[in-house]
């Protein structure tokens, strides 16, 4: 698109339009890939001692695979987590684009 002159990567409007159009598609494909990856069967290896099975099942039922649950509680109170979230969390745009771009969309549509 850049080579054909349809897209200017230095134009914020063009970049917002890209995000508006393609981020939902990319997100959908990432979710699909994650589900496929976590539910596929890991084959047994010949010369390596490693677990085999369906990874999401192995994660939720570790005892069935001769291991233990390695998850652990965080050594802090929930208020600490809330403060970290308030300080570092970036709010996802409501419509898939920055709020200051919405008037441009309303004008175009």
Protein backbone atom coordinates (compact mmCIF):
# COMPACT_ATOMS: atom_id res chain seq x y z
CA UNK A 1 0.00 0.00 0.00
CA UNK A 2 2.92 2.33 0.71
CA UNK A 3 4.55 1.49 -2.63
CA UNK A 4 1.32 2.17 -4.52
CA UNK A 5 0.80 5.50 -2.75
CA UNK A 6 -2.38 4.41 -0.96
CA UNK A 7 -0.81 4.58 2.50
CA UNK A 8 1.34 7.25 4.09
CA UNK A 9 2.89 5.94 7.30
CA UNK A 10 3.70 9.50 8.39
CA UNK A 11 -0.01 10.44 8.33
CA UNK A 12 -1.79 9.84 11.67
CA UNK A 13 -5.15 9.52 9.91
CA UNK A 14 -3.81 6.73 7.71
CA UNK A 15 -2.37 4.92 10.74
CA UNK A 16 -5.62 5.21 12.69
CA UNK A 17 -7.53 3.85 9.68
CA UNK A 18 -5.13 0.90 9.51
CA UNK A 19 -5.73 0.15 13.18
CA UNK A 20 -9.47 0.52 12.81
CA UNK A 21 -9.53 -1.86 9.86
CA UNK A 22 -6.90 -4.46 10.66
CA UNK A 23 -6.51 -4.74 14.45
CA UNK A 24 -9.84 -6.59 14.87
CA UNK A 25 -8.79 -9.04 12.14
CA UNK A 26 -5.36 -9.57 13.67
CA UNK A 27 -6.90 -10.02 17.14
CA UNK A 28 -9.36 -12.60 15.79
CA UNK A 29 -6.54 -14.56 14.14
CA UNK A 30 -4.40 -14.39 17.29
CA UNK A 31 -7.26 -15.77 19.40
CA UNK A 32 -7.80 -18.55 16.86
CA UNK A 33 -4.10 -19.41 16.82
CA UNK A 34 -3.91 -19.38 20.64
CA UNK A 35 -6.86 -21.75 20.91
CA UNK A 36 -5.41 -24.06 18.25
CA UNK A 37 -1.95 -24.03 19.85
CA UNK A 38 -3.22 -24.66 23.38
CA UNK A 39 -5.49 -27.50 22.29
CA UNK A 40 -3.15 -29.37 19.94
CA UNK A 41 -1.49 -32.60 21.02
CA UNK A 42 2.22 -32.52 21.83
CA UNK A 43 3.72 -35.73 20.50
CA UNK A 44 6.01 -37.92 22.54
CA UNK A 45 9.69 -37.46 21.67
CA UNK A 46 11.97 -40.46 21.19
CA UNK A 47 15.21 -39.29 22.77
CA UNK A 48 13.92 -36.59 25.09
CA UNK A 49 12.14 -37.00 28.38
CA UNK A 50 9.41 -34.41 28.11
CA UNK A 51 5.68 -34.39 28.77
CA UNK A 52 3.29 -35.09 25.95
CA UNK A 53 -0.42 -34.48 25.59
CA UNK A 54 -2.75 -31.54 25.05
CA UNK A 55 -1.09 -28.47 26.52
CA UNK A 56 -4.19 -26.83 28.01
CA UNK A 57 -5.18 -30.13 29.67
CA UNK A 58 -1.62 -30.57 30.94
CA UNK A 59 -1.80 -27.08 32.45
CA UNK A 60 -5.11 -27.59 34.25
CA UNK A 61 -4.52 -31.22 35.29
CA UNK A 62 -0.81 -31.44 36.15
CA UNK A 63 -1.17 -34.44 38.48
CA UNK A 64 -2.42 -36.56 35.59
CA UNK A 65 0.95 -35.95 33.93
CA UNK A 66 3.11 -36.72 36.95
CA UNK A 67 3.86 -33.15 37.94
CA UNK A 68 2.42 -30.47 40.20
CA UNK A 69 0.73 -27.11 39.83
CA UNK A 70 3.50 -24.51 39.61
CA UNK A 71 1.19 -21.51 39.92
CA UNK A 72 1.48 -19.45 43.07
CA UNK A 73 -0.19 -16.57 44.85
CA UNK A 74 1.44 -13.21 44.43
CA UNK A 75 3.03 -12.04 47.69
CA UNK A 76 1.02 -8.81 47.87
CA UNK A 77 -2.45 -7.55 48.66
CA UNK A 78 -5.06 -6.81 45.98
CA UNK A 79 -4.75 -3.06 46.63
CA UNK A 80 -1.17 -3.23 45.35
CA UNK A 81 -2.36 -4.87 42.14
CA UNK A 82 -5.04 -2.18 41.79
CA UNK A 83 -2.46 0.61 42.21
CA UNK A 84 -0.20 -1.00 39.60
CA UNK A 85 -3.14 -1.28 37.21
CA UNK A 86 -4.13 2.35 37.73
CA UNK A 87 -0.58 3.50 37.08
CA UNK A 88 0.40 1.33 34.10
CA UNK A 89 -2.78 0.08 32.42
CA UNK A 90 -3.46 1.63 29.02
CA UNK A 91 -7.17 1.82 28.32
CA UNK A 92 -8.21 0.06 25.14
CA UNK A 93 -9.88 2.50 22.74
CA UNK A 94 -13.65 2.11 22.67
CA UNK A 95 -13.96 1.94 18.89
CA UNK A 96 -10.50 0.56 18.06
CA UNK A 97 -9.01 4.01 17.53
CA UNK A 98 -7.86 6.94 19.63
CA UNK A 99 -10.60 9.12 21.08
CA UNK A 100 -9.35 12.21 19.25
CA UNK A 101 -9.83 10.38 15.94
CA UNK A 102 -13.57 9.77 16.46
CA UNK A 103 -14.62 13.24 15.17
CA UNK A 104 -12.72 12.51 11.95
CA UNK A 105 -14.62 9.23 11.60
CA UNK A 106 -17.93 10.96 12.26
CA UNK A 107 -17.10 13.55 9.61
CA UNK A 108 -16.15 10.90 7.03
CA UNK A 109 -19.08 8.59 7.79
